[in-house]
PDB file of N, CA and C in Angstrom:
ATOM      1  N   MET A   1      11.215  13.756  -0.480  1.00  0.00           N
ATOM      2  CA  MET A   1      10.686  14.049  -1.801  1.00  0.00           C
ATOM      3  C   MET A   1       9.371  13.305  -1.980  1.00  0.00           C
ATOM      4  N   THR A   2       8.389  13.975  -2.497  1.00  0.00           N
ATOM      5  CA  THR A   2       7.081  13.384  -2.745  1.00  0.00           C
ATOM      6  C   THR A   2       6.984  12.952  -4.196  1.00  0.00           C
ATOM      7  N   LEU A   3       6.444  11.779  -4.409  1.00  0.00           N
ATOM      8  CA  LEU A   3       6.236  11.263  -5.760  1.00  0.00           C
ATOM      9  C   LEU A   3       4.744  11.026  -5.941  1.00  0.00           C
ATOM     10  N   LEU A   4       4.146  11.734  -6.863  1.00  0.00           N
ATOM     11  CA  LEU A   4       2.727  11.570  -7.157  1.00  0.00           C
ATOM     12  C   LEU A   4       2.582  10.594  -8.322  1.00  0.00           C
ATOM     13  N   ILE A   5       1.902   9.483  -8.077  1.00  0.00           N
ATOM     14  CA  ILE A   5       1.672   8.483  -9.117  1.00  0.00           C
ATOM     15  C   ILE A   5       0.174   8.419  -9.369  1.00  0.00           C
ATOM     16  N   ARG A   6      -0.201   8.703 -10.565  1.00  0.00           N
ATOM     17  CA  ARG A   6      -1.622   8.696 -10.928  1.00  0.00           C
ATOM     18  C   ARG A   6      -2.079   7.285 -11.281  1.00  0.00           C
ATOM     19  N   GLU A   7      -3.377   7.083 -11.206  1.00  0.00           N
ATOM     20  CA  GLU A   7      -3.956   5.758 -11.432  1.00  0.00           C
ATOM     21  C   GLU A   7      -3.556   5.169 -12.779  1.00  0.00           C
ATOM     22  N   ALA A   8      -3.545   5.968 -13.827  1.00  0.00           N
ATOM     23  CA  ALA A   8      -3.169   5.475 -15.155  1.00  0.00           C
ATOM     24  C   ALA A   8      -1.740   4.950 -15.175  1.00  0.00           C
ATOM     25  N   GLU A   9      -0.849   5.623 -14.436  1.00  0.00           N
ATOM     26  CA  GLU A   9       0.538   5.174 -14.369  1.00  0.00           C
ATOM     27  C   GLU A   9       0.648   3.840 -13.627  1.00  0.00           C
ATOM     28  N   VAL A  10      -0.092   3.705 -12.552  1.00  0.00           N
ATOM     29  CA  VAL A  10      -0.099   2.440 -11.813  1.00  0.00           C
ATOM     30  C   VAL A  10      -0.621   1.320 -12.712  1.00  0.00           C
ATOM     31  N   ASN A  11      -1.705   1.581 -13.409  1.00  0.00           N
ATOM     32  CA  ASN A  11      -2.296   0.560 -14.289  1.00  0.00           C
ATOM     33  C   ASN A  11      -1.358   0.141 -15.413  1.00  0.00           C
ATOM     34  N   SER A  12      -0.455   1.027 -15.809  1.00  0.00           N
ATOM     35  CA  SER A  12       0.453   0.695 -16.912  1.00  0.00           C
ATOM     36  C   SER A  12       1.616  -0.195 -16.471  1.00  0.00           C
ATOM     37  N   ILE A  13       1.906  -0.250 -15.161  1.00  0.00           N
ATOM     38  CA  ILE A  13       3.036  -1.067 -14.705  1.00  0.00           C
ATOM     39  C   ILE A  13       2.662  -2.184 -13.734  1.00  0.00           C
ATOM     40  N   LEU A  14       1.467  -2.157 -13.153  1.00  0.00           N
ATOM     41  CA  LEU A  14       1.064  -3.146 -12.165  1.00  0.00           C
ATOM     42  C   LEU A  14      -0.131  -3.933 -12.676  1.00  0.00           C
ATOM     43  N   THR A  15       0.032  -5.245 -12.809  1.00  0.00           N
ATOM     44  CA  THR A  15      -1.073  -6.079 -13.259  1.00  0.00           C
ATOM     45  C   THR A  15      -1.874  -6.569 -12.054  1.00  0.00           C
ATOM     46  N   PHE A  16      -3.068  -7.045 -12.306  1.00  0.00           N
ATOM     47  CA  PHE A  16      -3.893  -7.607 -11.241  1.00  0.00           C
ATOM     48  C   PHE A  16      -3.182  -8.782 -10.594  1.00  0.00           C
ATOM     49  N   SER A  17      -2.564  -9.629 -11.402  1.00  0.00           N
ATOM     50  CA  SER A  17      -1.851 -10.799 -10.888  1.00  0.00           C
ATOM     51  C   SER A  17      -0.725 -10.386  -9.940  1.00  0.00           C
ATOM     52  N   MET A  18       0.025  -9.348 -10.288  1.00  0.00           N
ATOM     53  CA  MET A  18       1.107  -8.859  -9.428  1.00  0.00           C
ATOM     54  C   MET A  18       0.546  -8.327  -8.105  1.00  0.00           C
ATOM     55  N   ALA A  19      -0.524  -7.562  -8.191  1.00  0.00           N
ATOM     56  CA  ALA A  19      -1.132  -6.994  -6.988  1.00  0.00           C
ATOM     57  C   ALA A  19      -1.686  -8.093  -6.089  1.00  0.00           C
ATOM     58  N   TYR A  20      -2.344  -9.078  -6.685  1.00  0.00           N
ATOM     59  CA  TYR A  20      -2.921 -10.190  -5.912  1.00  0.00           C
ATOM     60  C   TYR A  20      -1.819 -10.957  -5.192  1.00  0.00           C
ATOM     61  N   SER A  21      -0.749 -11.279  -5.894  1.00  0.00           N
ATOM     62  CA  SER A  21       0.363 -12.024  -5.290  1.00  0.00           C
ATOM     63  C   SER A  21       0.987 -11.245  -4.130  1.00  0.00           C
ATOM     64  N   SER A  22       1.170  -9.957  -4.334  1.00  0.00           N
ATOM     65  CA  SER A  22       1.762  -9.119  -3.288  1.00  0.00           C
ATOM     66  C   SER A  22       0.867  -9.040  -2.056  1.00  0.00           C
ATOM     67  N   MET A  23      -0.425  -8.863  -2.270  1.00  0.00           N
ATOM     68  CA  MET A  23      -1.355  -8.788  -1.140  1.00  0.00           C
ATOM     69  C   MET A  23      -1.435 -10.118  -0.400  1.00  0.00           C
ATOM     70  N   ARG A  24      -1.450 -11.216  -1.141  1.00  0.00           N
ATOM     71  CA  ARG A  24      -1.492 -12.537  -0.506  1.00  0.00           C
ATOM     72  C   ARG A  24      -0.251 -12.745   0.369  1.00  0.00           C
ATOM     73  N   GLU A  25       0.905 -12.391  -0.166  1.00  0.00           N
ATOM     74  CA  GLU A  25       2.145 -12.530   0.597  1.00  0.00           C
ATOM     75  C   GLU A  25       2.125 -11.637   1.838  1.00  0.00           C
ATOM     76  N   ALA A  26       1.645 -10.412   1.689  1.00  0.00           N
ATOM     77  CA  ALA A  26       1.581  -9.486   2.818  1.00  0.00           C
ATOM     78  C   ALA A  26       0.692 -10.025   3.929  1.00  0.00           C
ATOM     79  N   PHE A  27      -0.474 -10.566   3.584  1.00  0.00           N
ATOM     80  CA  PHE A  27      -1.362 -11.113   4.606  1.00  0.00           C
ATOM     81  C   PHE A  27      -0.779 -12.358   5.261  1.00  0.00           C
ATOM     82  N   GLU A  28      -0.043 -13.165   4.492  1.00  0.00           N
ATOM     83  CA  GLU A  28       0.629 -14.328   5.075  1.00  0.00           C
ATOM     84  C   GLU A  28       1.694 -13.884   6.074  1.00  0.00           C
ATOM     85  N   LEU A  29       2.461 -12.836   5.735  1.00  0.00           N
ATOM     86  CA  LEU A  29       3.475 -12.316   6.651  1.00  0.00           C
ATOM     87  C   LEU A  29       2.837 -11.709   7.897  1.00  0.00           C
ATOM     88  N   LEU A  30       1.709 -11.016   7.726  1.00  0.00           N
ATOM     89  CA  LEU A  30       0.990 -10.480   8.884  1.00  0.00           C
ATOM     90  C   LEU A  30       0.546 -11.611   9.804  1.00  0.00           C
ATOM     91  N   ASP A  31       0.038 -12.684   9.231  1.00  0.00           N
ATOM     92  CA  ASP A  31      -0.431 -13.825  10.010  1.00  0.00           C
ATOM     93  C   ASP A  31       0.710 -14.467  10.797  1.00  0.00           C
ATOM     94  N   LYS A  32       1.905 -14.465  10.223  1.00  0.00           N
ATOM     95  CA  LYS A  32       3.080 -15.049  10.880  1.00  0.00           C
ATOM     96  C   LYS A  32       3.761 -14.071  11.834  1.00  0.00           C
ATOM     97  N   LYS A  33       3.177 -12.876  11.982  1.00  0.00           N
ATOM     98  CA  LYS A  33       3.713 -11.818  12.848  1.00  0.00           C
ATOM     99  C   LYS A  33       5.096 -11.342  12.404  1.00  0.00           C
ATOM    100  N   ILE A  34       5.361 -11.414  11.096  1.00  0.00           N
ATOM    101  CA  ILE A  34       6.625 -10.943  10.544  1.00  0.00           C
ATOM    102  C   ILE A  34       6.440  -9.547   9.935  1.00  0.00           C
ATOM    103  N   ALA A  35       5.207  -9.135   9.751  1.00  0.00           N
ATOM    104  CA  ALA A  35       4.902  -7.844   9.136  1.00  0.00           C
ATOM    105  C   ALA A  35       4.005  -7.028  10.066  1.00  0.00           C
ATOM    106  N   VAL A  36       3.967  -5.727   9.825  1.00  0.00           N
ATOM    107  CA  VAL A  36       3.092  -4.827  10.574  1.00  0.00           C
ATOM    108  C   VAL A  36       2.293  -3.979   9.588  1.00  0.00           C
ATOM    109  N   ASN A  37       1.176  -3.495  10.049  1.00  0.00           N
ATOM    110  CA  ASN A  37       0.294  -2.697   9.216  1.00  0.00           C
ATOM    111  C   ASN A  37      -0.333  -1.617  10.098  1.00  0.00           C
ATOM    112  N   SER A  38      -0.420  -0.394   9.604  1.00  0.00           N
ATOM    113  CA  SER A  38      -1.029   0.686  10.381  1.00  0.00           C
ATOM    114  C   SER A  38      -2.456   0.942   9.911  1.00  0.00           C
ATOM    115  N   LYS A  39      -3.179   1.692  10.718  1.00  0.00           N
ATOM    116  CA  LYS A  39      -4.520   2.086  10.319  1.00  0.00           C
ATOM    117  C   LYS A  39      -4.441   3.091   9.187  1.00  0.00           C
ATOM    118  N   ARG A  40      -5.461   3.137   8.354  1.00  0.00           N
ATOM    119  CA  ARG A  40      -5.538   4.118   7.269  1.00  0.00           C
ATOM    120  C   ARG A  40      -5.773   5.502   7.873  1.00  0.00           C
ATOM    121  N   ILE A  41      -5.070   6.474   7.352  1.00  0.00           N
ATOM    122  CA  ILE A  41      -5.172   7.855   7.821  1.00  0.00           C
ATOM    123  C   ILE A  41      -5.734   8.714   6.692  1.00  0.00           C
ATOM    124  N   ARG A  42      -6.724   9.545   7.011  1.00  0.00           N
ATOM    125  CA  ARG A  42      -7.284  10.481   6.035  1.00  0.00           C
ATOM    126  C   ARG A  42      -7.143  11.895   6.575  1.00  0.00           C
ATOM    127  N   THR A  43      -6.617  12.773   5.756  1.00  0.00           N
ATOM    128  CA  THR A  43      -6.456  14.179   6.112  1.00  0.00           C
ATOM    129  C   THR A  43      -7.148  15.007   5.043  1.00  0.00           C
ATOM    130  N   SER A  44      -8.082  15.869   5.450  1.00  0.00           N
ATOM    131  CA  SER A  44      -8.821  16.696   4.494  1.00  0.00           C
ATOM    132  C   SER A  44      -8.595  18.169   4.771  1.00  0.00           C
ATOM    133  N   VAL A  45      -8.421  18.928   3.688  1.00  0.00           N
ATOM    134  CA  VAL A  45      -8.302  20.375   3.800  1.00  0.00           C
ATOM    135  C   VAL A  45      -8.712  20.996   2.464  1.00  0.00           C
ATOM    136  N   SER A  46      -9.484  22.033   2.516  1.00  0.00           N
ATOM    137  CA  SER A  46      -9.910  22.789   1.327  1.00  0.00           C
ATOM    138  C   SER A  46     -10.485  21.907   0.226  1.00  0.00           C
ATOM    139  N   GLY A  47     -11.252  20.904   0.588  1.00  0.00           N
ATOM    140  CA  GLY A  47     -11.908  20.057  -0.406  1.00  0.00           C
ATOM    141  C   GLY A  47     -11.053  18.937  -0.968  1.00  0.00           C
ATOM    142  N   SER A  48      -9.806  18.817  -0.532  1.00  0.00           N
ATOM    143  CA  SER A  48      -8.925  17.733  -0.987  1.00  0.00           C
ATOM    144  C   SER A  48      -8.690  16.771   0.167  1.00  0.00           C
ATOM    145  N   THR A  49      -8.557  15.500  -0.150  1.00  0.00           N
ATOM    146  CA  THR A  49      -8.318  14.492   0.878  1.00  0.00           C
ATOM    147  C   THR A  49      -7.097  13.671   0.520  1.00  0.00           C
ATOM    148  N   LEU A  50      -6.203  13.526   1.479  1.00  0.00           N
ATOM    149  CA  LEU A  50      -5.033  12.673   1.338  1.00  0.00           C
ATOM    150  C   LEU A  50      -5.278  11.432   2.194  1.00  0.00           C
ATOM    151  N   THR A  51      -5.168  10.262   1.588  1.00  0.00           N
ATOM    152  CA  THR A  51      -5.331   9.011   2.308  1.00  0.00           C
ATOM    153  C   THR A  51      -4.032   8.234   2.207  1.00  0.00           C
ATOM    154  N   TYR A  52      -3.556   7.744   3.343  1.00  0.00           N
ATOM    155  CA  TYR A  52      -2.341   6.937   3.290  1.00  0.00           C
ATOM    156  C   TYR A  52      -2.363   5.868   4.372  1.00  0.00           C
ATOM    157  N   GLN A  53      -1.558   4.853   4.150  1.00  0.00           N
ATOM    158  CA  GLN A  53      -1.446   3.751   5.089  1.00  0.00           C
ATOM    159  C   GLN A  53      -0.044   3.172   4.918  1.00  0.00           C
ATOM    160  N   SER A  54       0.575   2.811   6.005  1.00  0.00           N
ATOM    161  CA  SER A  54       1.923   2.283   5.915  1.00  0.00           C
ATOM    162  C   SER A  54       2.003   0.882   6.503  1.00  0.00           C
ATOM    163  N   GLY A  55       3.054   0.212   6.165  1.00  0.00           N
ATOM    164  CA  GLY A  55       3.305  -1.114   6.704  1.00  0.00           C
ATOM    165  C   GLY A  55       4.741  -1.504   6.399  1.00  0.00           C
ATOM    166  N   GLY A  56       5.155  -2.620   6.909  1.00  0.00           N
ATOM    167  CA  GLY A  56       6.500  -3.077   6.653  1.00  0.00           C
ATOM    168  C   GLY A  56       6.666  -4.534   7.062  1.00  0.00           C
ATOM    169  N   PHE A  57       7.809  -5.103   6.699  1.00  0.00           N
ATOM    170  CA  PHE A  57       8.091  -6.476   7.068  1.00  0.00           C
ATOM    171  C   PHE A  57       9.575  -6.656   7.311  1.00  0.00           C
ATOM    172  N   LYS A  58       9.898  -7.694   8.040  1.00  0.00           N
ATOM    173  CA  LYS A  58      11.304  -7.999   8.314  1.00  0.00           C
ATOM    174  C   LYS A  58      11.978  -8.479   7.037  1.00  0.00           C
ATOM    175  N   ASP A  59      13.196  -8.042   6.836  1.00  0.00           N
ATOM    176  CA  ASP A  59      13.976  -8.466   5.679  1.00  0.00           C
ATOM    177  C   ASP A  59      14.426  -9.905   5.908  1.00  0.00           C
ATOM    178  N   PHE A  60      14.304 -10.723   4.900  1.00  0.00           N
ATOM    179  CA  PHE A  60      14.639 -12.146   5.051  1.00  0.00           C
ATOM    180  C   PHE A  60      16.039 -12.392   4.605  1.00  0.00           C
TER     181      PHE A  60
END
């Protein structure tokens, strides 16, 4: 199932502080080799572009 979340919806539930903390933790986990990150993928067709990137970490 695909879930489309628009920017306004993200802004209504995610604060800058929450995003900063999450990104800091993610980079710390990457540095410790506990997390993985893939390259960004862009797919374009008929004037629309889908951009996505995935990653994950070991459950503690």
